[in-house]
PDB file of N, CA and C in Angstrom:
ATOM      1  N   MET A   1     -19.672   9.081  -5.173  1.00  0.00           N
ATOM      2  CA  MET A   1     -18.344   9.284  -4.606  1.00  0.00           C
ATOM      3  C   MET A   1     -18.019   8.117  -3.682  1.00  0.00           C
ATOM      4  N   LYS A   2     -16.880   7.519  -3.883  1.00  0.00           N
ATOM      5  CA  LYS A   2     -16.476   6.381  -3.056  1.00  0.00           C
ATOM      6  C   LYS A   2     -15.943   6.884  -1.722  1.00  0.00           C
ATOM      7  N   ARG A   3     -16.298   6.147  -0.664  1.00  0.00           N
ATOM      8  CA  ARG A   3     -15.780   6.474   0.658  1.00  0.00           C
ATOM      9  C   ARG A   3     -14.537   5.605   0.918  1.00  0.00           C
ATOM     10  N   ARG A   4     -13.485   6.256   1.353  1.00  0.00           N
ATOM     11  CA  ARG A   4     -12.265   5.507   1.625  1.00  0.00           C
ATOM     12  C   ARG A   4     -12.362   4.837   2.991  1.00  0.00           C
ATOM     13  N   ILE A   5     -11.580   3.801   3.155  1.00  0.00           N
ATOM     14  CA  ILE A   5     -11.532   3.074   4.405  1.00  0.00           C
ATOM     15  C   ILE A   5     -10.080   2.648   4.636  1.00  0.00           C
ATOM     16  N   PHE A   6      -9.675   2.719   5.890  1.00  0.00           N
ATOM     17  CA  PHE A   6      -8.334   2.269   6.257  1.00  0.00           C
ATOM     18  C   PHE A   6      -8.485   1.015   7.104  1.00  0.00           C
ATOM     19  N   HIS A   7      -7.821  -0.050   6.685  1.00  0.00           N
ATOM     20  CA  HIS A   7      -7.821  -1.328   7.410  1.00  0.00           C
ATOM     21  C   HIS A   7      -6.512  -1.405   8.181  1.00  0.00           C
ATOM     22  N   LEU A   8      -6.638  -1.478   9.509  1.00  0.00           N
ATOM     23  CA  LEU A   8      -5.475  -1.595  10.374  1.00  0.00           C
ATOM     24  C   LEU A   8      -5.391  -3.017  10.918  1.00  0.00           C
ATOM     25  N   HIS A   9      -4.290  -3.671  10.626  1.00  0.00           N
ATOM     26  CA  HIS A   9      -4.019  -5.005  11.169  1.00  0.00           C
ATOM     27  C   HIS A   9      -2.878  -4.825  12.158  1.00  0.00           C
ATOM     28  N   ILE A  10      -3.178  -4.977  13.463  1.00  0.00           N
ATOM     29  CA  ILE A  10      -2.153  -4.902  14.484  1.00  0.00           C
ATOM     30  C   ILE A  10      -1.667  -6.307  14.738  1.00  0.00           C
ATOM     31  N   LYS A  11      -0.367  -6.518  14.564  1.00  0.00           N
ATOM     32  CA  LYS A  11       0.204  -7.844  14.701  1.00  0.00           C
ATOM     33  C   LYS A  11       0.146  -8.274  16.153  1.00  0.00           C
ATOM     34  N   PRO A  12      -0.238  -9.491  16.505  1.00  0.00           N
ATOM     35  CA  PRO A  12      -0.356 -10.647  15.620  1.00  0.00           C
ATOM     36  C   PRO A  12      -1.726 -10.847  15.001  1.00  0.00           C
ATOM     37  N   GLY A  13      -2.820 -10.205  15.453  1.00  0.00           N
ATOM     38  CA  GLY A  13      -4.084 -10.577  14.813  1.00  0.00           C
ATOM     39  C   GLY A  13      -5.297  -9.715  15.052  1.00  0.00           C
ATOM     40  N   THR A  14      -5.147  -8.463  15.456  1.00  0.00           N
ATOM     41  CA  THR A  14      -6.297  -7.571  15.663  1.00  0.00           C
ATOM     42  C   THR A  14      -6.542  -6.783  14.390  1.00  0.00           C
ATOM     43  N   ASN A  15      -7.813  -6.707  13.947  1.00  0.00           N
ATOM     44  CA  ASN A  15      -8.186  -5.937  12.774  1.00  0.00           C
ATOM     45  C   ASN A  15      -9.189  -4.855  13.145  1.00  0.00           C
ATOM     46  N   LYS A  16      -8.961  -3.646  12.659  1.00  0.00           N
ATOM     47  CA  LYS A  16      -9.864  -2.529  12.886  1.00  0.00           C
ATOM     48  C   LYS A  16     -10.016  -1.768  11.584  1.00  0.00           C
ATOM     49  N   TYR A  17     -11.141  -1.044  11.430  1.00  0.00           N
ATOM     50  CA  TYR A  17     -11.421  -0.323  10.212  1.00  0.00           C
ATOM     51  C   TYR A  17     -11.803   1.128  10.541  1.00  0.00           C
ATOM     52  N   TYR A  18     -11.280   2.080   9.764  1.00  0.00           N
ATOM     53  CA  TYR A  18     -11.492   3.500  10.049  1.00  0.00           C
ATOM     54  C   TYR A  18     -11.791   4.261   8.764  1.00  0.00           C
ATOM     55  N   GLY A  19     -12.562   5.334   8.899  1.00  0.00           N
ATOM     56  CA  GLY A  19     -12.898   6.169   7.778  1.00  0.00           C
ATOM     57  C   GLY A  19     -11.899   7.282   7.535  1.00  0.00           C
ATOM     58  N   SER A  20     -10.919   7.437   8.445  1.00  0.00           N
ATOM     59  CA  SER A  20      -9.893   8.468   8.276  1.00  0.00           C
ATOM     60  C   SER A  20      -8.636   8.075   9.058  1.00  0.00           C
ATOM     61  N   LEU A  21      -7.509   8.639   8.625  1.00  0.00           N
ATOM     62  CA  LEU A  21      -6.279   8.417   9.375  1.00  0.00           C
ATOM     63  C   LEU A  21      -6.343   9.090  10.748  1.00  0.00           C
ATOM     64  N   GLN A  22      -7.061  10.204  10.818  1.00  0.00           N
ATOM     65  CA  GLN A  22      -7.205  10.891  12.104  1.00  0.00           C
ATOM     66  C   GLN A  22      -7.861   9.966  13.131  1.00  0.00           C
ATOM     67  N   ALA A  23      -8.937   9.311  12.748  1.00  0.00           N
ATOM     68  CA  ALA A  23      -9.618   8.368  13.660  1.00  0.00           C
ATOM     69  C   ALA A  23      -8.696   7.205  14.021  1.00  0.00           C
ATOM     70  N   LEU A  24      -7.977   6.692  13.048  1.00  0.00           N
ATOM     71  CA  LEU A  24      -7.065   5.585  13.286  1.00  0.00           C
ATOM     72  C   LEU A  24      -6.029   5.955  14.344  1.00  0.00           C
ATOM     73  N   PHE A  25      -5.469   7.165  14.252  1.00  0.00           N
ATOM     74  CA  PHE A  25      -4.448   7.594  15.185  1.00  0.00           C
ATOM     75  C   PHE A  25      -5.024   7.982  16.551  1.00  0.00           C
ATOM     76  N   LEU A  26      -6.236   8.496  16.596  1.00  0.00           N
ATOM     77  CA  LEU A  26      -6.860   8.800  17.888  1.00  0.00           C
ATOM     78  C   LEU A  26      -7.114   7.538  18.706  1.00  0.00           C
ATOM     79  N   ASP A  27      -7.372   6.436  18.008  1.00  0.00           N
ATOM     80  CA  ASP A  27      -7.711   5.164  18.684  1.00  0.00           C
ATOM     81  C   ASP A  27      -6.495   4.276  18.962  1.00  0.00           C
ATOM     82  N   ASN A  28      -5.360   4.565  18.326  1.00  0.00           N
ATOM     83  CA  ASN A  28      -4.162   3.700  18.435  1.00  0.00           C
ATOM     84  C   ASN A  28      -2.933   4.589  18.639  1.00  0.00           C
ATOM     85  N   LYS A  29      -2.309   4.453  19.781  1.00  0.00           N
ATOM     86  CA  LYS A  29      -1.201   5.356  20.126  1.00  0.00           C
ATOM     87  C   LYS A  29       0.180   4.824  19.789  1.00  0.00           C
ATOM     88  N   ASP A  30       0.362   3.512  19.758  1.00  0.00           N
ATOM     89  CA  ASP A  30       1.715   2.950  19.629  1.00  0.00           C
ATOM     90  C   ASP A  30       1.907   2.144  18.351  1.00  0.00           C
ATOM     91  N   LEU A  31       1.724   2.800  17.181  1.00  0.00           N
ATOM     92  CA  LEU A  31       1.872   2.119  15.914  1.00  0.00           C
ATOM     93  C   LEU A  31       3.290   2.233  15.345  1.00  0.00           C
ATOM     94  N   LYS A  32       4.127   3.019  15.991  1.00  0.00           N
ATOM     95  CA  LYS A  32       5.523   3.242  15.550  1.00  0.00           C
ATOM     96  C   LYS A  32       5.614   3.834  14.143  1.00  0.00           C
ATOM     97  N   VAL A  33       4.623   4.677  13.821  1.00  0.00           N
ATOM     98  CA  VAL A  33       4.647   5.472  12.604  1.00  0.00           C
ATOM     99  C   VAL A  33       3.839   6.719  12.907  1.00  0.00           C
ATOM    100  N   SER A  34       4.191   7.844  12.294  1.00  0.00           N
ATOM    101  CA  SER A  34       3.483   9.085  12.556  1.00  0.00           C
ATOM    102  C   SER A  34       2.364   9.299  11.537  1.00  0.00           C
ATOM    103  N   LYS A  35       1.370  10.064  11.939  1.00  0.00           N
ATOM    104  CA  LYS A  35       0.311  10.437  11.023  1.00  0.00           C
ATOM    105  C   LYS A  35       0.906  11.264   9.872  1.00  0.00           C
ATOM    106  N   PHE A  36       1.863  12.082  10.178  1.00  0.00           N
ATOM    107  CA  PHE A  36       2.568  12.892   9.163  1.00  0.00           C
ATOM    108  C   PHE A  36       3.117  12.002   8.056  1.00  0.00           C
ATOM    109  N   THR A  37       3.751  10.896   8.425  1.00  0.00           N
ATOM    110  CA  THR A  37       4.316   9.976   7.450  1.00  0.00           C
ATOM    111  C   THR A  37       3.216   9.353   6.591  1.00  0.00           C
ATOM    112  N   LEU A  38       2.140   8.912   7.225  1.00  0.00           N
ATOM    113  CA  LEU A  38       1.064   8.249   6.464  1.00  0.00           C
ATOM    114  C   LEU A  38       0.247   9.222   5.624  1.00  0.00           C
ATOM    115  N   ASP A  39       0.168  10.488   6.048  1.00  0.00           N
ATOM    116  CA  ASP A  39      -0.499  11.501   5.208  1.00  0.00           C
ATOM    117  C   ASP A  39       0.192  11.620   3.857  1.00  0.00           C
ATOM    118  N   ARG A  40       1.469  11.323   3.794  1.00  0.00           N
ATOM    119  CA  ARG A  40       2.239  11.442   2.558  1.00  0.00           C
ATOM    120  C   ARG A  40       2.480  10.105   1.871  1.00  0.00           C
ATOM    121  N   TYR A  41       2.054   9.028   2.481  1.00  0.00           N
ATOM    122  CA  TYR A  41       2.248   7.685   1.915  1.00  0.00           C
ATOM    123  C   TYR A  41       1.239   7.459   0.790  1.00  0.00           C
ATOM    124  N   ASP A  42       1.629   6.883  -0.328  1.00  0.00           N
ATOM    125  CA  ASP A  42       0.733   6.759  -1.495  1.00  0.00           C
ATOM    126  C   ASP A  42      -0.192   5.536  -1.449  1.00  0.00           C
ATOM    127  N   PHE A  43       0.054   4.582  -0.580  1.00  0.00           N
ATOM    128  CA  PHE A  43      -0.782   3.376  -0.410  1.00  0.00           C
ATOM    129  C   PHE A  43      -0.944   2.588  -1.714  1.00  0.00           C
ATOM    130  N   VAL A  44       0.020   2.688  -2.626  1.00  0.00           N
ATOM    131  CA  VAL A  44       0.025   1.800  -3.792  1.00  0.00           C
ATOM    132  C   VAL A  44       0.178   0.367  -3.300  1.00  0.00           C
ATOM    133  N   LYS A  45       0.966   0.210  -2.263  1.00  0.00           N
ATOM    134  CA  LYS A  45       1.031  -1.073  -1.543  1.00  0.00           C
ATOM    135  C   LYS A  45       0.794  -0.766  -0.076  1.00  0.00           C
ATOM    136  N   PRO A  46       0.401  -1.757   0.725  1.00  0.00           N
ATOM    137  CA  PRO A  46       0.133  -1.492   2.138  1.00  0.00           C
ATOM    138  C   PRO A  46       1.364  -0.978   2.878  1.00  0.00           C
ATOM    139  N   PHE A  47       1.136  -0.098   3.848  1.00  0.00           N
ATOM    140  CA  PHE A  47       2.216   0.307   4.752  1.00  0.00           C
ATOM    141  C   PHE A  47       2.409  -0.810   5.765  1.00  0.00           C
ATOM    142  N   GLU A  48       3.662  -1.182   6.018  1.00  0.00           N
ATOM    143  CA  GLU A  48       3.908  -2.253   6.991  1.00  0.00           C
ATOM    144  C   GLU A  48       5.169  -1.940   7.800  1.00  0.00           C
ATOM    145  N   ASN A  49       5.068  -2.186   9.104  1.00  0.00           N
ATOM    146  CA  ASN A  49       6.238  -2.145   9.984  1.00  0.00           C
ATOM    147  C   ASN A  49       6.150  -3.321  10.942  1.00  0.00           C
ATOM    148  N   ASP A  50       6.972  -3.334  11.991  1.00  0.00           N
ATOM    149  CA  ASP A  50       6.971  -4.487  12.890  1.00  0.00           C
ATOM    150  C   ASP A  50       5.753  -4.552  13.810  1.00  0.00           C
ATOM    151  N   VAL A  51       4.932  -3.491  13.843  1.00  0.00           N
ATOM    152  CA  VAL A  51       3.758  -3.445  14.726  1.00  0.00           C
ATOM    153  C   VAL A  51       2.448  -3.639  13.958  1.00  0.00           C
ATOM    154  N   CYS A  52       2.372  -3.110  12.740  1.00  0.00           N
ATOM    155  CA  CYS A  52       1.070  -3.090  12.047  1.00  0.00           C
ATOM    156  C   CYS A  52       1.217  -3.130  10.535  1.00  0.00           C
ATOM    157  N   VAL A  53       0.067  -3.375   9.888  1.00  0.00           N
ATOM    158  CA  VAL A  53      -0.082  -3.238   8.442  1.00  0.00           C
ATOM    159  C   VAL A  53      -1.297  -2.364   8.229  1.00  0.00           C
ATOM    160  N   ILE A  54      -1.174  -1.332   7.379  1.00  0.00           N
ATOM    161  CA  ILE A  54      -2.293  -0.430   7.090  1.00  0.00           C
ATOM    162  C   ILE A  54      -2.546  -0.438   5.597  1.00  0.00           C
ATOM    163  N   ASN A  55      -3.787  -0.786   5.224  1.00  0.00           N
ATOM    164  CA  ASN A  55      -4.228  -0.772   3.830  1.00  0.00           C
ATOM    165  C   ASN A  55      -5.244   0.343   3.651  1.00  0.00           C
ATOM    166  N   LYS A  56      -5.297   0.909   2.462  1.00  0.00           N
ATOM    167  CA  LYS A  56      -6.315   1.894   2.125  1.00  0.00           C
ATOM    168  C   LYS A  56      -7.166   1.311   1.010  1.00  0.00           C
ATOM    169  N   GLY A  57      -8.476   1.387   1.173  1.00  0.00           N
ATOM    170  CA  GLY A  57      -9.381   0.892   0.159  1.00  0.00           C
ATOM    171  C   GLY A  57     -10.605   1.790   0.081  1.00  0.00           C
ATOM    172  N   PHE A  58     -11.646   1.298  -0.575  1.00  0.00           N
ATOM    173  CA  PHE A  58     -12.857   2.064  -0.751  1.00  0.00           C
ATOM    174  C   PHE A  58     -14.071   1.187  -0.445  1.00  0.00           C
ATOM    175  N   VAL A  59     -15.072   1.776   0.166  1.00  0.00           N
ATOM    176  CA  VAL A  59     -16.324   1.097   0.480  1.00  0.00           C
ATOM    177  C   VAL A  59     -17.239   1.221  -0.719  1.00  0.00           C
ATOM    178  N   LEU A  60     -17.777   0.100  -1.186  1.00  0.00           N
ATOM    179  CA  LEU A  60     -18.710   0.140  -2.304  1.00  0.00           C
ATOM    180  C   LEU A  60     -20.124  -0.029  -1.799  1.00  0.00           C
ATOM    181  N   SER A  61     -21.022   0.815  -2.289  1.00  0.00           N
ATOM    182  CA  SER A  61     -22.435   0.701  -1.958  1.00  0.00           C
ATOM    183  C   SER A  61     -23.150  -0.046  -3.084  1.00  0.00           C
ATOM    184  N   ALA A  62     -24.403  -0.396  -2.844  1.00  0.00           N
ATOM    185  CA  ALA A  62     -25.187  -1.042  -3.902  1.00  0.00           C
ATOM    186  C   ALA A  62     -25.280  -0.159  -5.140  1.00  0.00           C
ATOM    187  N   GLY A  63     -25.387   1.141  -4.933  1.00  0.00           N
ATOM    188  CA  GLY A  63     -25.400   2.069  -6.067  1.00  0.00           C
ATOM    189  C   GLY A  63     -24.136   2.056  -6.871  1.00  0.00           C
ATOM    190  N   ASP A  64     -23.028   1.900  -6.188  1.00  0.00           N
ATOM    191  CA  ASP A  64     -21.737   1.775  -6.913  1.00  0.00           C
ATOM    192  C   ASP A  64     -21.715   0.512  -7.769  1.00  0.00           C
ATOM    193  N   ILE A  65     -22.189  -0.577  -7.215  1.00  0.00           N
ATOM    194  CA  ILE A  65     -22.218  -1.854  -7.934  1.00  0.00           C
ATOM    195  C   ILE A  65     -23.178  -1.772  -9.128  1.00  0.00           C
ATOM    196  N   ARG A  66     -24.334  -1.202  -8.908  1.00  0.00           N
ATOM    197  CA  ARG A  66     -25.312  -1.055 -10.011  1.00  0.00           C
ATOM    198  C   ARG A  66     -24.722  -0.191 -11.117  1.00  0.00           C
ATOM    199  N   GLY A  67     -23.938   0.829 -10.744  1.00  0.00           N
ATOM    200  CA  GLY A  67     -23.323   1.697 -11.740  1.00  0.00           C
ATOM    201  C   GLY A  67     -22.256   0.966 -12.552  1.00  0.00           C
ATOM    202  N   LEU A  68     -21.733  -0.149 -12.026  1.00  0.00           N
ATOM    203  CA  LEU A  68     -20.706  -0.915 -12.740  1.00  0.00           C
ATOM    204  C   LEU A  68     -21.280  -1.990 -13.650  1.00  0.00           C
ATOM    205  N   GLU A  69     -22.586  -2.300 -13.476  1.00  0.00           N
ATOM    206  CA  GLU A  69     -23.204  -3.349 -14.286  1.00  0.00           C
ATOM    207  C   GLU A  69     -23.346  -2.902 -15.722  1.00  0.00           C
ATOM    208  N   PRO A  70     -23.116  -3.812 -16.683  1.00  0.00           N
ATOM    209  CA  PRO A  70     -23.315  -3.454 -18.079  1.00  0.00           C
ATOM    210  C   PRO A  70     -24.788  -3.225 -18.346  1.00  0.00           C
ATOM    211  N   LYS A  71     -25.073  -2.279 -19.226  1.00  0.00           N
ATOM    212  CA  LYS A  71     -26.490  -1.948 -19.545  1.00  0.00           C
ATOM    213  C   LYS A  71     -26.930  -2.659 -20.792  1.00  0.00           C
TER     214      LYS A  71
END
């Protein structure tokens, strides 16, 4: 099972990484977007506003990579 990760880029140049939106919002109070909005955002493309950019991705382990290798 892949673990999701949220990459928060606070403009102009701070980067932080979180395992959940809850953690992201507990640590950052002034992103000018609500958790409610991001809970419903599909993340097909990054969420962006004048304060931040939020990407959703997945953490790959060595086991994940080995599972992708051709046999």
